[in-house]
Amino acid sequence: MPLENPIAYPVLFKQVRILDANASSDIVETFADVFVDCDRKIHLDFDQNQIPQETKIYEQSGVVLGTGLVDLYGTSGEPGHESRETITELVQAAKNGGFATVGILPNTQPAIDDIAALEFWRSVRQKHGDILQPWGAITKGLEGKQLTDMAELAESVIGFTDSKPIANLLLVRRAMEYLKPLGKPIALFPQNPDLAGNGVIREGKWSLQYGMTGYPAAAETSSLAALIELVRLTKAPTHFMRISTAQSVELIAQAKNDGLPITASTTWLHLCHCDRDLENYDPNLRLMPPLGSEGDRLALISGIRSGAIDSIAIDHTPCAYEEKVVPFEVAPVGAIGLEFAIPVLWQKLVITGLLTTTELWQALSINPAKILGISQPKLSTLFAPSLEWLADGNAIASPSRNSNYIGQLIVGKIL
């Protein structure tokens, strides 16, 4: 029996592909029957004789049951920009996408830079549980000038980041030194603002052809090289976010070979698209850093396979409709993605053979959990790779529409 959309519960899926983690925190693949009851609770150990008579049975569903997904970083509209997306909408979007945990960047209003700001997130935890985990700011007001009281914030945040470049390298060194004994990761966005300038597309053939201001790869790699030297100096565990160039993958691989305590992530859109895809000047693909070349995209995928790139981040960034309905070069950066990431990555990377199922799941679940220092996710994400659905206003939780996948038929759905 083919899968139906929507699926009517209770359901028994036969020979489901199970993606769980072993004692070494590696995703391993097995097969088992999975029963989902009327309340959509998942059961692996059950008595076949206890299944209700009205249960639908799918013999060859192709369904996958994996550990809960973990997103390293994303932006919350609330507090400060509730019209973009509220906490309740963000939580539902995360659940729709199969995410058990989403790291929240400190670029809210007010910024997450003191104990008072964390009171809001304590109330969020009381209402919604631990699905949203805030990052603390490295500097006051994310201005890159004065360090926050990181020791005071450390107990209540998963790590520290300004979610944007910090030009003052001496300040970055001090932050690394302060954080090392606290046992919290620091996440840095490598970018040389002077080299980046007003670039909105990777500098090269397509920036010339499309007539848009180029962003040189060196804007990332020159900054990354300097930051790696600070890690070499301080030995502080450091995460590099939004990696987008082939040379950056090489730099990180070499630093890891040298034994430095480094982890790195790229975003899902940098794995799915390249600068050539900007021919329609879609502002929903206006990202920072901009989409790289096809060579960069393939190097990032190879980096995941080799272990140089540890994790795939969604970097979910809601924007109001009117903010994105402007020319490409002046549009705010960022796109939503929690509800589309798994099916799109599956189609573009797993179906095409660029990544294995276990490599993709490792980078979206177990590895980001290890980076954040949280418990290994439990089996909780049920995914139907062949189920089709239309990504329209009724199907997604986020009120923001800044995604190039809005209005498209998506193959693959979280159940």
Protein backbone atom coordinates (compact mmCIF):
# COMPACT_ATOMS: atom_id res chain seq x y z
CA MET A 1 0.00 0.00 0.00
CA PRO A 2 1.50 3.39 -0.99
CA LEU A 3 1.76 6.10 1.67
CA GLU A 4 -1.14 8.51 1.84
CA ASN A 5 -0.94 12.21 2.68
CA PRO A 6 -2.11 12.92 5.32
CA ILE A 7 -1.49 9.60 7.06
CA ALA A 8 -4.31 8.32 9.26
CA TYR A 9 -3.11 6.86 12.59
CA PRO A 10 -2.70 4.27 14.10
CA VAL A 11 -0.17 2.91 11.60
CA LEU A 12 2.25 -0.01 11.47
CA PHE A 13 5.27 0.54 9.25
CA LYS A 14 7.06 -2.71 8.37
CA GLN A 15 10.86 -2.88 8.02
CA VAL A 16 11.57 0.76 8.81
CA ARG A 17 15.16 1.94 8.36
CA ILE A 18 16.38 2.80 11.89
CA LEU A 19 19.18 5.38 12.23
CA ASP A 20 20.40 5.23 15.82
CA ALA A 21 23.75 6.00 17.44
CA ASN A 22 26.05 3.37 18.95
CA ALA A 23 28.30 3.71 22.00
CA SER A 24 30.87 5.56 19.88
CA SER A 25 28.22 8.11 18.82
CA ASP A 26 28.26 6.89 15.24
CA ILE A 27 24.98 6.51 13.35
CA VAL A 28 24.30 2.86 12.55
CA GLU A 29 21.54 1.50 10.33
CA THR A 30 19.22 -1.38 11.23
CA PHE A 31 15.67 -2.39 10.28
CA ALA A 32 12.62 -2.94 12.48
CA ASP A 33 8.82 -2.65 12.53
CA VAL A 34 7.50 0.63 13.97
CA PHE A 35 4.03 1.21 15.39
CA VAL A 36 2.65 4.75 15.67
CA ASP A 37 -0.46 5.07 17.84
CA CYS A 38 -3.39 7.48 17.60
CA ASP A 39 -1.45 10.09 19.61
CA ARG A 40 1.43 9.79 17.11
CA LYS A 41 3.70 8.21 19.71
CA ILE A 42 6.37 5.96 18.26
CA HIS A 43 6.74 2.38 19.50
CA LEU A 44 9.62 0.04 18.64
CA ASP A 45 9.02 -2.62 21.29
CA PHE A 46 5.40 -3.71 21.06
CA ASP A 47 3.24 -6.81 20.99
CA GLN A 48 1.89 -7.41 17.48
CA ASN A 49 -1.24 -8.91 19.03
CA GLN A 50 -1.98 -5.66 20.90
CA ILE A 51 -2.21 -3.55 17.74
CA PRO A 52 -5.75 -2.13 17.20
CA GLN A 53 -7.76 -3.76 14.44
CA GLU A 54 -8.16 -0.47 12.55
CA THR A 55 -4.39 -0.05 12.19
CA LYS A 56 -3.19 0.55 8.65
CA ILE A 57 -0.21 -1.58 7.70
CA TYR A 58 2.42 -0.42 5.23
CA GLU A 59 4.61 -3.31 4.11
CA GLN A 60 7.17 -1.36 2.05
CA SER A 61 6.87 2.26 3.10
CA GLY A 62 10.54 3.26 2.82
CA VAL A 63 10.07 5.21 6.08
CA VAL A 64 13.11 6.21 8.15
CA LEU A 65 13.21 6.56 11.95
CA GLY A 66 16.20 8.54 13.15
CA THR A 67 17.56 10.31 16.19
CA GLY A 68 16.11 13.78 16.72
CA LEU A 69 17.71 16.48 14.59
CA VAL A 70 19.78 19.23 16.22
CA ASP A 71 20.26 22.66 14.63
CA LEU A 72 23.36 24.46 15.88
CA TYR A 73 22.10 27.98 15.26
CA GLY A 74 19.10 29.93 14.06
CA THR A 75 17.41 33.28 14.64
CA SER A 76 14.30 33.83 16.74
CA GLY A 77 11.95 36.66 15.77
CA GLU A 78 10.82 36.93 19.39
CA PRO A 79 11.68 38.95 21.41
CA GLY A 80 11.87 42.08 19.30
CA HIS A 81 10.44 41.04 15.92
CA GLU A 82 7.36 38.98 16.71
CA SER A 83 5.81 39.88 13.34
CA ARG A 84 8.49 37.76 11.67
CA GLU A 85 7.90 34.70 13.84
CA THR A 86 6.85 34.05 17.44
CA ILE A 87 8.41 31.52 19.79
CA THR A 88 5.33 29.28 19.46
CA GLU A 89 5.59 29.38 15.65
CA LEU A 90 9.32 28.69 15.78
CA VAL A 91 8.82 25.70 18.08
CA GLN A 92 6.15 24.26 15.78
CA ALA A 93 8.35 24.82 12.71
CA ALA A 94 11.17 22.94 14.45
CA LYS A 95 8.87 20.03 15.31
CA ASN A 96 7.48 19.97 11.76
CA GLY A 97 11.04 19.63 10.52
CA GLY A 98 12.00 16.84 12.90
CA PHE A 99 14.22 18.96 15.15
CA ALA A 100 14.55 18.09 18.83
CA THR A 101 16.87 21.03 19.58
CA VAL A 102 17.50 24.41 17.97
CA GLY A 103 20.30 26.70 19.12
CA ILE A 104 19.08 30.31 19.25
CA LEU A 105 21.52 33.04 18.28
CA PRO A 106 21.82 36.00 20.67
CA ASN A 107 20.84 38.58 18.01
CA THR A 108 17.39 39.11 19.50
CA GLN A 109 16.15 42.46 20.84
CA PRO A 110 17.36 42.77 23.51
CA ALA A 111 20.47 40.72 22.77
CA ILE A 112 21.20 37.72 25.00
CA ASP A 113 24.09 39.47 26.71
CA ASP A 114 23.15 39.57 30.41
CA ILE A 115 21.21 37.71 33.09
CA ALA A 116 18.12 39.88 32.60
CA ALA A 117 17.81 38.79 28.96
CA LEU A 118 17.99 35.15 30.02
CA GLU A 119 14.85 35.51 32.16
CA PHE A 120 12.84 35.51 28.94
CA TRP A 121 14.43 32.23 27.86
CA ARG A 122 13.76 30.64 31.23
CA SER A 123 10.07 31.34 30.73
CA VAL A 124 10.31 29.87 27.21
CA ARG A 125 11.81 26.69 28.66
CA GLN A 126 9.02 26.42 31.22
CA LYS A 127 6.39 26.63 28.48
CA HIS A 128 8.02 24.72 25.62
CA GLY A 129 10.66 22.50 27.24
CA ASP A 130 14.27 22.35 26.09
CA ILE A 131 13.73 22.48 22.32
CA LEU A 132 15.10 26.05 22.07
CA GLN A 133 18.57 26.54 23.56
CA PRO A 134 19.99 30.10 23.66
CA TRP A 135 23.54 31.08 22.81
CA GLY A 136 25.07 33.88 24.89
CA ALA A 137 26.66 36.94 23.30
CA ILE A 138 30.44 37.30 23.36
CA THR A 139 30.28 41.09 23.43
CA LYS A 140 27.83 43.59 24.88
CA GLY A 141 25.09 44.40 22.41
CA LEU A 142 26.95 42.29 19.80
CA GLU A 143 29.01 45.41 19.12
CA GLY A 144 32.41 43.72 19.25
CA LYS A 145 33.79 46.19 21.79
CA GLN A 146 33.35 44.88 25.34
CA LEU A 147 33.13 41.29 26.57
CA THR A 148 30.00 40.15 28.36
CA ASP A 149 30.16 38.57 31.81
CA MET A 150 30.52 35.10 30.33
CA ALA A 151 31.06 33.35 33.67
CA GLU A 152 27.70 34.70 34.86
CA LEU A 153 25.91 33.58 31.66
CA ALA A 154 27.63 30.23 31.21
CA GLU A 155 25.21 28.07 33.23
CA SER A 156 22.21 29.21 31.21
CA VAL A 157 23.54 29.12 27.61
CA ILE A 158 24.88 26.41 25.29
CA GLY A 159 27.86 28.49 24.20
CA PHE A 160 28.92 31.95 23.11
CA THR A 161 28.79 33.71 19.76
CA ASP A 162 28.09 37.14 18.33
CA SER A 163 26.73 35.45 15.17
CA LYS A 164 28.68 38.00 13.13
CA PRO A 165 32.36 38.82 12.61
CA ILE A 166 34.39 40.33 15.47
CA ALA A 167 37.09 42.56 14.01
CA ASN A 168 39.12 42.93 17.22
CA LEU A 169 41.27 39.78 17.34
CA LEU A 170 42.71 40.68 20.74
CA LEU A 171 39.14 40.68 22.08
CA VAL A 172 38.55 37.26 20.46
CA ARG A 173 41.71 35.93 22.10
CA ARG A 174 40.55 37.18 25.52
CA ALA A 175 37.13 35.57 24.97
CA MET A 176 38.79 32.24 24.12
CA GLU A 177 40.95 32.42 27.25
CA TYR A 178 37.99 33.25 29.50
CA LEU A 179 35.79 30.52 28.02
CA LYS A 180 38.28 27.67 28.07
CA PRO A 181 37.87 26.83 31.80
CA LEU A 182 34.07 27.31 31.56
CA GLY A 183 33.69 24.34 29.23
CA LYS A 184 31.48 26.15 26.75
CA PRO A 185 32.13 26.37 23.00
CA ILE A 186 32.75 29.67 21.25
CA ALA A 187 31.29 29.95 17.74
CA LEU A 188 32.94 32.37 15.33
CA PHE A 189 31.86 33.60 11.90
CA PRO A 190 35.06 34.05 9.86
CA GLN A 191 34.85 37.15 7.71
CA ASN A 192 37.15 40.04 6.92
CA PRO A 193 34.66 42.94 6.58
CA ASP A 194 37.12 45.07 4.61
CA LEU A 195 37.56 42.37 1.97
CA ALA A 196 33.88 41.44 2.01
CA GLY A 197 32.84 45.04 1.34
CA ASN A 198 29.37 45.22 -0.17
CA GLY A 199 29.66 41.83 -1.86
CA VAL A 200 26.40 39.92 -2.31
CA ILE A 201 27.51 37.04 -4.58
CA ARG A 202 30.70 34.98 -4.71
CA GLU A 203 33.26 36.84 -6.80
CA GLY A 204 33.83 35.08 -10.10
CA LYS A 205 32.21 34.18 -13.42
CA TRP A 206 28.62 34.48 -12.24
CA SER A 207 29.06 37.75 -10.35
CA LEU A 208 30.32 39.27 -13.61
CA GLN A 209 27.57 37.68 -15.70
CA TYR A 210 24.78 38.72 -13.32
CA GLY A 211 26.24 42.19 -12.76
CA MET A 212 26.35 41.97 -8.95
CA THR A 213 29.02 43.04 -6.49
CA GLY A 214 31.43 40.19 -5.81
CA TYR A 215 32.39 38.76 -2.41
CA PRO A 216 35.88 37.25 -2.64
CA ALA A 217 36.53 33.85 -1.09
CA ALA A 218 39.52 35.46 0.66
CA ALA A 219 37.08 37.47 2.81
CA GLU A 220 36.40 34.18 4.59
CA THR A 221 39.68 32.31 4.33
CA SER A 222 41.96 35.17 5.47
CA SER A 223 39.86 35.62 8.60
CA LEU A 224 39.63 31.86 9.19
CA ALA A 225 43.42 31.49 8.98
CA ALA A 226 43.90 34.19 11.61
CA LEU A 227 41.30 32.68 13.93
CA ILE A 228 42.85 29.23 13.62
CA GLU A 229 46.13 30.74 14.82
CA LEU A 230 44.31 32.07 17.89
CA VAL A 231 43.05 28.55 18.58
CA ARG A 232 46.60 27.30 18.21
CA LEU A 233 47.66 29.92 20.76
CA THR A 234 44.87 29.41 23.33
CA LYS A 235 43.87 25.76 22.72
CA ALA A 236 40.27 26.86 23.36
CA PRO A 237 37.53 24.64 21.82
CA THR A 238 36.22 26.70 18.90
CA HIS A 239 33.45 26.23 16.36
CA PHE A 240 33.61 27.90 12.95
CA MET A 241 30.15 28.65 11.58
CA ARG A 242 28.87 29.24 8.03
CA ILE A 243 31.91 27.82 6.25
CA SER A 244 31.43 28.29 2.51
CA THR A 245 34.68 27.89 0.55
CA ALA A 246 36.80 24.98 -0.63
CA GLN A 247 39.96 26.56 0.78
CA SER A 248 38.30 26.91 4.19
CA VAL A 249 37.64 23.16 4.20
CA GLU A 250 41.36 22.59 3.55
CA LEU A 251 42.39 24.99 6.33
CA ILE A 252 40.07 23.29 8.84
CA ALA A 253 41.21 19.80 7.82
CA GLN A 254 44.84 20.82 8.34
CA ALA A 255 44.07 22.40 11.72
CA LYS A 256 42.31 19.22 12.83
CA ASN A 257 45.27 17.15 11.64
CA ASP A 258 47.42 19.38 13.86
CA GLY A 259 45.27 18.35 16.82
CA LEU A 260 43.55 21.71 17.37
CA PRO A 261 40.16 21.58 19.20
CA ILE A 262 38.16 22.80 16.20
CA THR A 263 34.72 21.96 14.83
CA ALA A 264 32.99 23.49 11.81
CA SER A 265 29.61 23.75 10.13
CA THR A 266 28.18 24.87 6.85
CA THR A 267 24.55 25.67 6.12
CA TRP A 268 22.10 23.48 4.26
CA LEU A 269 21.57 26.04 1.50
CA HIS A 270 25.32 26.18 0.78
CA LEU A 271 25.12 22.42 0.18
CA CYS A 272 22.04 22.63 -2.05
CA HIS A 273 22.80 25.70 -4.19
CA CYS A 274 25.66 27.64 -5.75
CA ASP A 275 26.19 31.12 -7.22
CA ARG A 276 24.94 29.97 -10.63
CA ASP A 277 21.47 29.55 -9.07
CA LEU A 278 21.11 33.31 -8.56
CA GLU A 279 20.10 33.92 -12.18
CA ASN A 280 16.59 34.97 -11.07
CA TYR A 281 17.95 37.34 -8.39
CA ASP A 282 15.73 35.64 -5.81
CA PRO A 283 16.22 37.66 -2.58
CA ASN A 284 15.41 34.49 -0.60
CA LEU A 285 18.84 33.20 -1.68
CA ARG A 286 20.57 36.35 -0.45
CA LEU A 287 22.73 34.83 2.26
CA MET A 288 25.80 35.72 4.30
CA PRO A 289 28.26 34.43 3.35
CA PRO A 290 26.89 34.37 -0.20
CA LEU A 291 26.43 31.08 -2.02
CA GLY A 292 29.77 29.74 -3.22
CA SER A 293 30.78 28.24 -6.55
CA GLU A 294 29.82 24.72 -7.58
CA GLY A 295 33.37 23.72 -6.68
CA ASP A 296 32.87 25.15 -3.21
CA ARG A 297 29.58 23.27 -2.83
CA LEU A 298 31.16 19.95 -3.76
CA ALA A 299 34.16 20.64 -1.48
CA LEU A 300 31.79 21.27 1.45
CA ILE A 301 30.04 17.96 0.77
CA SER A 302 33.42 16.21 0.59
CA GLY A 303 34.30 17.94 3.86
CA ILE A 304 31.29 16.33 5.54
CA ARG A 305 32.33 12.92 4.21
CA SER A 306 35.91 13.35 5.40
CA GLY A 307 34.98 14.84 8.79
CA ALA A 308 36.53 18.25 8.16
CA ILE A 309 33.02 19.71 8.33
CA ASP A 310 31.24 18.29 11.36
CA SER A 311 27.73 19.60 11.04
CA ILE A 312 25.04 21.00 8.78
CA ALA A 313 23.28 24.03 10.28
CA ILE A 314 19.92 25.35 9.14
CA ASP A 315 20.59 28.95 10.19
CA HIS A 316 16.81 29.55 10.12
CA THR A 317 16.31 33.31 9.71
CA PRO A 318 12.72 34.59 9.42
CA CYS A 319 12.06 37.85 7.59
CA ALA A 320 8.77 39.66 7.07
CA TYR A 321 7.30 39.66 3.56
CA GLU A 322 7.95 43.34 2.93
CA GLU A 323 11.60 43.00 4.00
CA LYS A 324 12.39 40.58 1.19
CA VAL A 325 10.26 42.11 -1.58
CA VAL A 326 13.12 44.39 -2.61
CA PRO A 327 16.00 44.15 -5.11
CA PHE A 328 18.48 41.36 -4.38
CA GLU A 329 21.40 43.60 -3.40
CA VAL A 330 19.48 45.46 -0.68
CA ALA A 331 17.48 42.52 0.71
CA PRO A 332 18.30 41.41 4.27
CA VAL A 333 20.30 38.19 4.41
CA GLY A 334 18.87 34.87 5.49
CA ALA A 335 16.13 32.33 4.81
CA ILE A 336 13.87 30.05 6.81
CA GLY A 337 14.56 26.34 6.52
CA LEU A 338 13.60 24.17 9.48
CA GLU A 339 10.59 22.70 7.70
CA PHE A 340 12.30 22.03 4.35
CA ALA A 341 15.86 21.04 5.19
CA ILE A 342 15.63 17.26 5.58
CA PRO A 343 13.55 16.51 2.46
CA VAL A 344 15.58 18.88 0.27
CA LEU A 345 18.95 17.62 1.55
CA TRP A 346 17.73 14.05 1.07
CA GLN A 347 16.79 14.69 -2.55
CA LYS A 348 19.88 16.71 -3.43
CA LEU A 349 22.52 14.74 -1.52
CA VAL A 350 21.32 11.24 -0.61
CA ILE A 351 19.31 10.40 -3.74
CA THR A 352 22.17 11.71 -5.91
CA GLY A 353 24.73 9.64 -3.99
CA LEU A 354 26.77 12.63 -2.78
CA LEU A 355 26.21 11.62 0.87
CA THR A 356 25.07 8.38 2.46
CA THR A 357 22.03 8.29 4.69
CA THR A 358 24.19 7.85 7.79
CA GLU A 359 26.56 10.67 6.82
CA LEU A 360 23.65 13.09 6.43
CA TRP A 361 22.01 12.07 9.70
CA GLN A 362 25.31 12.20 11.59
CA ALA A 363 25.84 15.81 10.45
CA LEU A 364 22.30 16.85 11.36
CA SER A 365 21.87 15.07 14.68
CA ILE A 366 24.71 13.42 16.60
CA ASN A 367 27.57 15.74 15.65
CA PRO A 368 25.78 19.03 16.44
CA ALA A 369 24.64 17.57 19.77
CA LYS A 370 28.27 16.76 20.60
CA ILE A 371 29.37 20.28 19.61
CA LEU A 372 26.75 21.79 21.93
CA GLY A 373 27.56 19.37 24.74
CA ILE A 374 23.97 18.13 25.04
CA SER A 375 22.68 14.57 25.46
CA GLN A 376 22.64 12.24 22.51
CA PRO A 377 19.26 12.66 20.76
CA LYS A 378 16.70 9.89 21.11
CA LEU A 379 14.92 8.12 18.27
CA SER A 380 12.12 10.58 17.58
CA THR A 381 12.17 11.75 13.95
CA LEU A 382 10.03 9.71 11.55
CA PHE A 383 10.66 10.64 7.91
CA ALA A 384 8.92 9.48 4.74
CA PRO A 385 11.38 10.21 1.89
CA SER A 386 8.86 9.62 -0.93
CA LEU A 387 5.82 11.45 0.47
CA GLU A 388 4.99 14.62 -1.50
CA TRP A 389 3.54 17.83 -0.08
CA LEU A 390 3.05 21.40 -1.24
CA ALA A 391 5.00 24.00 0.75
CA ASP A 392 2.22 26.57 0.92
CA GLY A 393 0.79 28.73 3.69
CA ASN A 394 -1.33 25.95 5.15
CA ALA A 395 1.47 23.41 5.35
CA ILE A 396 4.15 25.32 7.27
CA ALA A 397 4.12 26.84 10.74
CA SER A 398 6.33 29.86 10.13
CA PRO A 399 4.46 32.99 9.04
CA SER A 400 7.64 34.14 7.27
CA ARG A 401 7.88 33.23 3.60
CA ASN A 402 11.53 33.96 2.88
CA SER A 403 12.42 30.66 1.24
CA ASN A 404 12.86 29.75 -2.41
CA TYR A 405 10.97 26.52 -1.62
CA ILE A 406 7.68 28.24 -0.78
CA GLY A 407 5.06 27.19 -3.32
CA GLN A 408 7.07 24.19 -4.50
CA LEU A 409 6.14 20.52 -4.37
CA ILE A 410 8.50 18.98 -1.81
CA VAL A 411 9.40 15.28 -1.97
CA GLY A 412 9.92 13.91 1.54
CA LYS A 413 8.01 14.72 4.70
CA ILE A 414 8.55 14.47 8.45
CA LEU A 415 5.69 12.48 9.93
